[in-house]
């Protein structure tokens, strides 16, 4: 079994990318998407980094949970241009085609407070995935500044980063690999 780093995207990242790509998004749309918005482009680039499948010397995997998928579907279906069926279709073809490790059972919340229930369950997902054989590190990517700041200087099973911070880490891992 090879060692891997697993990235987990917070619900807000999926929602932003869904709004940018639209409900008929495909992996090809993701590979070719460009935007002038640096934060949104960092979110798109984070998914593209996952598609590349490498994080320095490690495989890079995408982790998620039924809780994350259901929350994203619920939040997307509340947006005016999205219906329940378009949100489900997006997740079935986009999320399900990308995810390598999917947790479907009950996941307890962690660090509530300072996290709210939803963020606590996402963080619990990270903890469960970190315990998966072969996973050497978990990274949670979120644009929720309060969430990221809550774990900035706290030792944890998971590194919590903003998409731009994650892309800096991916770039550093790639440079390290090229030097080796």
Protein backbone atom coordinates (compact mmCIF):
# COMPACT_ATOMS: atom_id res chain seq x y z
CA UNK A 1 0.00 0.00 0.00
CA UNK A 2 1.44 3.37 -0.97
CA UNK A 3 1.44 6.32 1.40
CA UNK A 4 -0.89 9.19 0.60
CA UNK A 5 -1.86 12.67 1.65
CA UNK A 6 -5.62 13.17 1.72
CA UNK A 7 -7.24 16.54 1.11
CA UNK A 8 -10.80 17.18 2.26
CA UNK A 9 -12.66 20.17 0.85
CA UNK A 10 -15.04 22.02 3.15
CA UNK A 11 -18.60 22.43 1.89
CA UNK A 12 -18.00 26.08 0.94
CA UNK A 13 -15.32 25.06 -1.58
CA UNK A 14 -17.68 22.66 -3.38
CA UNK A 15 -20.40 25.32 -3.43
CA UNK A 16 -18.09 28.00 -4.90
CA UNK A 17 -16.79 25.62 -7.57
CA UNK A 18 -20.32 24.44 -8.39
CA UNK A 19 -21.50 28.02 -8.85
CA UNK A 20 -18.50 28.79 -11.08
CA UNK A 21 -18.71 25.65 -13.24
CA UNK A 22 -22.50 25.23 -13.35
CA UNK A 23 -24.64 22.15 -12.84
CA UNK A 24 -23.40 20.34 -15.93
CA UNK A 25 -19.78 20.54 -14.75
CA UNK A 26 -17.36 17.87 -15.82
CA UNK A 27 -13.74 17.14 -15.04
CA UNK A 28 -12.86 18.64 -18.44
CA UNK A 29 -14.55 21.92 -17.38
CA UNK A 30 -12.50 21.84 -14.20
CA UNK A 31 -9.20 21.28 -16.02
CA UNK A 32 -9.78 24.23 -18.38
CA UNK A 33 -11.48 26.76 -16.09
CA UNK A 34 -9.82 30.14 -15.56
CA UNK A 35 -11.12 33.15 -13.64
CA UNK A 36 -9.85 36.60 -12.69
CA UNK A 37 -10.82 36.01 -9.06
CA UNK A 38 -7.68 34.88 -7.23
CA UNK A 39 -9.55 33.19 -4.34
CA UNK A 40 -11.87 31.29 -6.72
CA UNK A 41 -8.97 30.36 -9.00
CA UNK A 42 -7.15 28.96 -5.95
CA UNK A 43 -10.20 26.77 -5.24
CA UNK A 44 -10.25 25.55 -8.85
CA UNK A 45 -6.47 25.02 -8.76
CA UNK A 46 -6.86 22.99 -5.55
CA UNK A 47 -9.17 20.58 -7.38
CA UNK A 48 -6.74 20.49 -10.31
CA UNK A 49 -3.95 19.61 -7.87
CA UNK A 50 -6.06 16.67 -6.67
CA UNK A 51 -6.57 15.57 -10.28
CA UNK A 52 -2.78 15.48 -10.72
CA UNK A 53 -2.73 12.90 -7.95
CA UNK A 54 0.68 13.70 -6.45
CA UNK A 55 1.80 15.67 -3.41
CA UNK A 56 5.57 15.59 -3.43
CA UNK A 57 6.57 11.93 -3.08
CA UNK A 58 3.07 10.92 -1.93
CA UNK A 59 -0.10 10.08 -3.76
CA UNK A 60 -2.75 12.77 -3.31
CA UNK A 61 -6.26 11.56 -2.60
CA UNK A 62 -9.56 13.36 -2.12
CA UNK A 63 -11.63 12.47 0.91
CA UNK A 64 -15.22 13.33 1.69
CA UNK A 65 -18.26 12.09 3.55
CA UNK A 66 -21.94 11.65 3.02
CA UNK A 67 -22.40 14.53 5.48
CA UNK A 68 -20.33 16.88 3.27
CA UNK A 69 -22.13 15.75 0.11
CA UNK A 70 -25.59 16.10 1.69
CA UNK A 71 -24.76 19.54 3.11
CA UNK A 72 -23.48 20.79 -0.24
CA UNK A 73 -26.57 19.43 -2.01
CA UNK A 74 -28.85 21.13 0.51
CA UNK A 75 -27.03 24.48 0.27
CA UNK A 76 -26.86 24.41 -3.54
CA UNK A 77 -30.58 23.62 -3.82
CA UNK A 78 -31.32 26.77 -1.78
CA UNK A 79 -29.66 28.98 -4.42
CA UNK A 80 -32.08 30.55 -6.93
CA UNK A 81 -30.51 29.03 -10.05
CA UNK A 82 -30.19 25.52 -8.59
CA UNK A 83 -32.86 22.89 -7.96
CA UNK A 84 -32.61 19.80 -5.78
CA UNK A 85 -32.19 17.65 -8.91
CA UNK A 86 -29.50 19.89 -10.47
CA UNK A 87 -27.57 19.92 -7.19
CA UNK A 88 -27.82 16.13 -6.94
CA UNK A 89 -26.77 15.71 -10.58
CA UNK A 90 -23.74 17.99 -10.08
CA UNK A 91 -22.61 16.04 -7.04
CA UNK A 92 -23.24 12.66 -8.64
CA UNK A 93 -21.05 13.48 -11.64
CA UNK A 94 -18.53 15.91 -10.13
CA UNK A 95 -18.04 14.96 -6.46
CA UNK A 96 -18.46 11.21 -6.91
CA UNK A 97 -16.02 11.06 -9.84
CA UNK A 98 -13.28 12.82 -7.86
CA UNK A 99 -13.54 11.34 -4.37
CA UNK A 100 -11.16 8.50 -3.49
CA UNK A 101 -12.16 7.97 0.16
CA UNK A 102 -15.87 8.33 1.02
CA UNK A 103 -17.17 7.95 4.56
CA UNK A 104 -20.83 6.95 4.67
CA UNK A 105 -21.43 6.13 8.33
CA UNK A 106 -22.00 8.29 11.38
CA UNK A 107 -19.27 10.83 12.04
CA UNK A 108 -19.09 12.62 15.36
CA UNK A 109 -18.36 16.30 15.63
CA UNK A 110 -15.03 17.55 16.98
CA UNK A 111 -13.92 20.79 18.63
CA UNK A 112 -17.42 22.17 19.20
CA UNK A 113 -16.91 24.96 20.26
CA UNK A 114 -15.09 26.84 18.78
CA UNK A 115 -16.49 25.14 15.67
CA UNK A 116 -20.21 24.98 14.97
CA UNK A 117 -21.89 21.61 14.40
CA UNK A 118 -21.37 21.53 10.61
CA UNK A 119 -17.68 22.44 10.81
CA UNK A 120 -17.25 20.02 13.71
CA UNK A 121 -18.58 17.13 11.62
CA UNK A 122 -16.34 18.11 8.69
CA UNK A 123 -13.40 18.13 11.10
CA UNK A 124 -14.55 14.76 12.44
CA UNK A 125 -14.48 13.50 8.83
CA UNK A 126 -10.84 14.57 8.63
CA UNK A 127 -10.04 12.67 11.82
CA UNK A 128 -11.72 9.48 10.57
CA UNK A 129 -9.90 9.70 7.23
CA UNK A 130 -6.59 10.34 9.01
CA UNK A 131 -7.05 6.95 10.68
CA UNK A 132 -7.32 5.22 7.27
CA UNK A 133 -4.35 2.90 6.59
CA UNK A 134 -1.82 4.51 4.25
CA UNK A 135 -2.88 8.11 4.95
CA UNK A 136 0.12 10.01 6.32
CA UNK A 137 -1.46 13.47 6.45
CA UNK A 138 -4.88 15.08 6.09
CA UNK A 139 -5.39 18.63 4.88
CA UNK A 140 -8.72 20.43 5.14
CA UNK A 141 -9.20 23.22 2.60
CA UNK A 142 -11.75 25.88 3.59
CA UNK A 143 -12.36 29.52 2.85
CA UNK A 144 -13.89 29.89 6.33
CA UNK A 145 -11.32 32.18 7.97
CA UNK A 146 -12.62 31.56 11.49
CA UNK A 147 -12.35 27.78 10.96
CA UNK A 148 -8.78 28.06 9.63
CA UNK A 149 -7.75 30.52 12.35
CA UNK A 150 -9.11 28.19 15.06
CA UNK A 151 -6.41 25.66 14.16
CA UNK A 152 -3.60 27.95 13.04
CA UNK A 153 -1.27 27.22 15.96
CA UNK A 154 -2.94 24.15 17.45
CA UNK A 155 -1.38 20.70 17.01
CA UNK A 156 -3.98 18.56 15.28
CA UNK A 157 -4.56 15.45 13.20
CA UNK A 158 -5.38 17.75 10.26
CA UNK A 159 -3.80 20.84 8.74
CA UNK A 160 -6.48 23.46 8.01
CA UNK A 161 -5.68 25.83 5.14
CA UNK A 162 -7.28 28.47 2.95
CA UNK A 163 -7.19 27.46 -0.76
CA UNK A 164 -4.34 29.89 -1.46
CA UNK A 165 -2.33 28.39 1.41
CA UNK A 166 -3.04 24.90 0.11
CA UNK A 167 -1.82 25.84 -3.35
CA UNK A 168 1.39 27.28 -1.87
CA UNK A 169 1.90 23.96 -0.09
CA UNK A 170 1.20 22.00 -3.31
CA UNK A 171 3.67 24.15 -5.23
CA UNK A 172 6.33 23.61 -2.54
CA UNK A 173 5.71 19.83 -2.63
CA UNK A 174 6.13 19.84 -6.42
CA UNK A 175 9.36 21.87 -6.20
CA UNK A 176 10.70 19.45 -3.58
CA UNK A 177 9.94 16.52 -5.87
CA UNK A 178 11.67 18.16 -8.85
CA UNK A 179 14.82 18.74 -6.76
CA UNK A 180 14.97 15.13 -5.61
